Each structure stands twice: as structure tokens, then as C-alpha cells.
PDB file of N, CA and C in Angstrom:
ATOM      1  N   MET A   1     113.403 123.011  93.425  1.00  0.00           N
ATOM      2  CA  MET A   1     113.004 121.984  92.758  1.00  0.00           C
ATOM      3  C   MET A   1     111.643 121.159  93.849  1.00  0.00           C
ATOM      4  N   GLN A   2     110.648 121.111  92.848  1.00  0.00           N
ATOM      5  CA  GLN A   2     109.511 120.536  93.595  1.00  0.00           C
ATOM      6  C   GLN A   2     109.308 119.072  93.376  1.00  0.00           C
ATOM      7  N   SER A   3     109.084 118.474  94.821  1.00  0.00           N
ATOM      8  CA  SER A   3     108.928 116.971  94.630  1.00  0.00           C
ATOM      9  C   SER A   3     107.688 116.543  94.090  1.00  0.00           C
ATOM     10  N   ARG A   4     107.887 115.563  93.099  1.00  0.00           N
ATOM     11  CA  ARG A   4     106.689 114.762  92.554  1.00  0.00           C
ATOM     12  C   ARG A   4     105.472 113.997  93.201  1.00  0.00           C
ATOM     13  N   LEU A   5     105.989 113.638  94.425  1.00  0.00           N
ATOM     14  CA  LEU A   5     105.039 113.179  95.261  1.00  0.00           C
ATOM     15  C   LEU A   5     103.849 113.874  95.848  1.00  0.00           C
ATOM     16  N   PRO A   6     102.610 113.406  96.011  1.00  0.00           N
ATOM     17  CA  PRO A   6     101.784 114.175  96.597  1.00  0.00           C
ATOM     18  C   PRO A   6     102.056 114.959  98.055  1.00  0.00           C
ATOM     19  N   ASN A   7     102.513 114.229  98.589  1.00  0.00           N
ATOM     20  CA  ASN A   7     102.589 114.549 100.116  1.00  0.00           C
ATOM     21  C   ASN A   7     104.198 115.262 100.062  1.00  0.00           C
ATOM     22  N   GLU A   8     104.237 116.492 100.479  1.00  0.00           N
ATOM     23  CA  GLU A   8     105.569 116.899 100.813  1.00  0.00           C
ATOM     24  C   GLU A   8     106.421 116.425 101.968  1.00  0.00           C
ATOM     25  N   GLU A   9     107.865 116.090 101.074  1.00  0.00           N
ATOM     26  CA  GLU A   9     108.637 115.247 102.281  1.00  0.00           C
ATOM     27  C   GLU A   9     110.192 115.927 101.774  1.00  0.00           C
ATOM     28  N   PRO A  10     111.120 115.780 102.582  1.00  0.00           N
ATOM     29  CA  PRO A  10     112.412 116.041 102.296  1.00  0.00           C
ATOM     30  C   PRO A  10     112.707 115.488 101.389  1.00  0.00           C
ATOM     31  N   LEU A  11     113.668 115.720 100.592  1.00  0.00           N
ATOM     32  CA  LEU A  11     114.589 114.864  99.428  1.00  0.00           C
ATOM     33  C   LEU A  11     114.854 113.578 100.109  1.00  0.00           C
ATOM     34  N   GLY A  12     115.666 113.810 100.919  1.00  0.00           N
ATOM     35  CA  GLY A  12     116.471 112.337 101.607  1.00  0.00           C
ATOM     36  C   GLY A  12     115.611 111.309 101.796  1.00  0.00           C
ATOM     37  N   THR A  13     114.332 111.295 102.178  1.00  0.00           N
ATOM     38  CA  THR A  13     113.485 110.595 102.687  1.00  0.00           C
ATOM     39  C   THR A  13     112.736 109.997 101.681  1.00  0.00           C
ATOM     40  N   SER A  14     112.407 110.969 101.090  1.00  0.00           N
ATOM     41  CA  SER A  14     111.716 110.557  99.644  1.00  0.00           C
ATOM     42  C   SER A  14     112.644 109.710  98.746  1.00  0.00           C
ATOM     43  N   ARG A  15     113.957 110.142  98.600  1.00  0.00           N
ATOM     44  CA  ARG A  15     114.864 108.824  98.009  1.00  0.00           C
ATOM     45  C   ARG A  15     115.011 107.273  98.814  1.00  0.00           C
ATOM     46  N   ILE A  16     114.848 107.552  99.828  1.00  0.00           N
ATOM     47  CA  ILE A  16     114.823 106.516 100.605  1.00  0.00           C
ATOM     48  C   ILE A  16     113.575 105.459 100.442  1.00  0.00           C
ATOM     49  N   ILE A  17     112.520 106.175 100.456  1.00  0.00           N
ATOM     50  CA  ILE A  17     111.257 105.512 100.160  1.00  0.00           C
ATOM     51  C   ILE A  17     111.010 105.091  98.625  1.00  0.00           C
ATOM     52  N   ARG A  18     111.493 105.798  97.707  1.00  0.00           N
ATOM     53  CA  ARG A  18     111.590 105.284  96.285  1.00  0.00           C
ATOM     54  C   ARG A  18     112.593 103.928  96.150  1.00  0.00           C
ATOM     55  N   SER A  19     113.973 104.130  96.810  1.00  0.00           N
ATOM     56  CA  SER A  19     114.963 102.913  96.885  1.00  0.00           C
ATOM     57  C   SER A  19     113.670 101.760  97.529  1.00  0.00           C
ATOM     58  N   LYS A  20     112.977 101.892  98.658  1.00  0.00           N
ATOM     59  CA  LYS A  20     112.253 100.661  99.163  1.00  0.00           C
ATOM     60  C   LYS A  20     111.087 100.273  98.194  1.00  0.00           C
ATOM     61  N   GLN A  21     110.546 100.966  97.504  1.00  0.00           N
ATOM     62  CA  GLN A  21     109.566 100.804  96.463  1.00  0.00           C
ATOM     63  C   GLN A  21     110.361 100.061  95.450  1.00  0.00           C
ATOM     64  N   SER A  22     111.305 100.631  95.002  1.00  0.00           N
ATOM     65  CA  SER A  22     111.881  99.849  93.651  1.00  0.00           C
ATOM     66  C   SER A  22     112.462  98.286  93.998  1.00  0.00           C
ATOM     67  N   THR A  23     112.892  98.205  95.406  1.00  0.00           N
ATOM     68  CA  THR A  23     113.428  96.847  95.925  1.00  0.00           C
ATOM     69  C   THR A  23     111.968  95.883  95.926  1.00  0.00           C
ATOM     70  N   LEU A  24     111.231  96.554  96.452  1.00  0.00           N
ATOM     71  CA  LEU A  24     109.842  95.794  96.720  1.00  0.00           C
ATOM     72  C   LEU A  24     109.180  95.493  95.465  1.00  0.00           C
ATOM     73  N   GLU A  25     109.278  96.393  94.443  1.00  0.00           N
ATOM     74  CA  GLU A  25     108.644  95.967  93.229  1.00  0.00           C
ATOM     75  C   GLU A  25     109.657  94.878  92.176  1.00  0.00           C
ATOM     76  N   ALA A  26     111.307  94.786  92.760  1.00  0.00           N
ATOM     77  CA  ALA A  26     111.720  93.884  92.298  1.00  0.00           C
ATOM     78  C   ALA A  26     111.134  92.434  93.015  1.00  0.00           C
ATOM     79  N   LYS A  27     110.977  92.612  94.025  1.00  0.00           N
ATOM     80  CA  LYS A  27     110.752  91.398  94.690  1.00  0.00           C
ATOM     81  C   LYS A  27     109.339  90.865  94.158  1.00  0.00           C
ATOM     82  N   LEU A  28     108.595  91.710  93.831  1.00  0.00           N
ATOM     83  CA  LEU A  28     107.338  91.279  93.238  1.00  0.00           C
ATOM     84  C   LEU A  28     107.361  90.788  91.787  1.00  0.00           C
ATOM     85  N   THR A  29     108.148  91.502  91.344  1.00  0.00           N
ATOM     86  CA  THR A  29     108.177  90.684  89.648  1.00  0.00           C
ATOM     87  C   THR A  29     108.891  89.358  89.891  1.00  0.00           C
ATOM     88  N   THR A  30     109.743  89.268  90.713  1.00  0.00           N
ATOM     89  CA  THR A  30     110.750  88.053  90.985  1.00  0.00           C
ATOM     90  C   THR A  30     109.440  86.761  91.306  1.00  0.00           C
ATOM     91  N   ARG A  31     108.984  87.242  92.241  1.00  0.00           N
ATOM     92  CA  ARG A  31     107.721  86.359  92.826  1.00  0.00           C
ATOM     93  C   ARG A  31     106.733  86.086  91.662  1.00  0.00           C
ATOM     94  N   ASN A  32     106.345  86.822  90.916  1.00  0.00           N
ATOM     95  CA  ASN A  32     105.379  86.778  89.999  1.00  0.00           C
ATOM     96  C   ASN A  32     105.696  85.859  89.017  1.00  0.00           C
ATOM     97  N   LYS A  33     107.151  85.827  88.484  1.00  0.00           N
ATOM     98  CA  LYS A  33     107.916  85.023  87.497  1.00  0.00           C
ATOM     99  C   LYS A  33     107.838  83.658  88.300  1.00  0.00           C
ATOM    100  N   LEU A  34     108.563  83.453  89.314  1.00  0.00           N
ATOM    101  CA  LEU A  34     108.219  82.168  90.274  1.00  0.00           C
ATOM    102  C   LEU A  34     106.721  81.731  89.803  1.00  0.00           C
ATOM    103  N   VAL A  35     105.827  82.544  90.328  1.00  0.00           N
ATOM    104  CA  VAL A  35     104.481  82.151  90.368  1.00  0.00           C
ATOM    105  C   VAL A  35     103.973  81.401  89.138  1.00  0.00           C
ATOM    106  N   ARG A  36     104.372  82.205  87.999  1.00  0.00           N
ATOM    107  CA  ARG A  36     103.971  81.897  86.366  1.00  0.00           C
ATOM    108  C   ARG A  36     104.698  80.677  86.031  1.00  0.00           C
ATOM    109  N   ALA A  37     105.675  80.316  86.623  1.00  0.00           N
ATOM    110  CA  ALA A  37     106.558  78.831  86.135  1.00  0.00           C
ATOM    111  C   ALA A  37     105.954  78.193  86.789  1.00  0.00           C
ATOM    112  N   CYS A  38     105.551  78.020  87.970  1.00  0.00           N
ATOM    113  CA  CYS A  38     104.740  76.759  88.933  1.00  0.00           C
ATOM    114  C   CYS A  38     103.553  76.482  88.147  1.00  0.00           C
ATOM    115  N   GLN A  39     102.869  78.104  87.802  1.00  0.00           N
ATOM    116  CA  GLN A  39     101.531  77.804  87.038  1.00  0.00           C
ATOM    117  C   GLN A  39     101.583  76.824  85.831  1.00  0.00           C
ATOM    118  N   GLN A  40     102.770  76.973  84.986  1.00  0.00           N
ATOM    119  CA  GLN A  40     103.194  76.410  83.826  1.00  0.00           C
ATOM    120  C   GLN A  40     103.111  74.923  84.031  1.00  0.00           C
ATOM    121  N   TYR A  41     104.107  74.705  85.027  1.00  0.00           N
ATOM    122  CA  TYR A  41     104.264  73.204  85.270  1.00  0.00           C
ATOM    123  C   TYR A  41     103.482  72.562  86.183  1.00  0.00           C
ATOM    124  N   ASN A  42     102.098  73.372  86.816  1.00  0.00           N
ATOM    125  CA  ASN A  42     100.908  72.553  87.235  1.00  0.00           C
ATOM    126  C   ASN A  42      99.995  72.804  86.486  1.00  0.00           C
ATOM    127  N   ILE A  43     100.115  72.180  85.333  1.00  0.00           N
ATOM    128  CA  ILE A  43      99.061  71.991  84.112  1.00  0.00           C
ATOM    129  C   ILE A  43      98.269  70.848  84.550  1.00  0.00           C
TER     130      ILE A  43
END
């Protein structure tokens, strides 16, 4: 089974990195929603 990441690394670390990326993306999406809401109210 080949890893889809460009840099070769064990499955465990890649899984951890993937979970960290997903949590970061979730935080960014929530922050973007908050910023959008603030922009809507600050017309």
C-alpha cells in the first residue's frame, strides 16, 4: 500500500498528521464562519 503523500513516511505518523490537518481545517472553517458573521453585522 503506497502513501498518497509526496514525502514517504509511516502510516502511523501520516494518520496523525491527517487528523491534525482535519482539526485545523475545522478550526479554520469555524473561524471563517465567525468572521463572516461579524462582517455581516458590521455593515
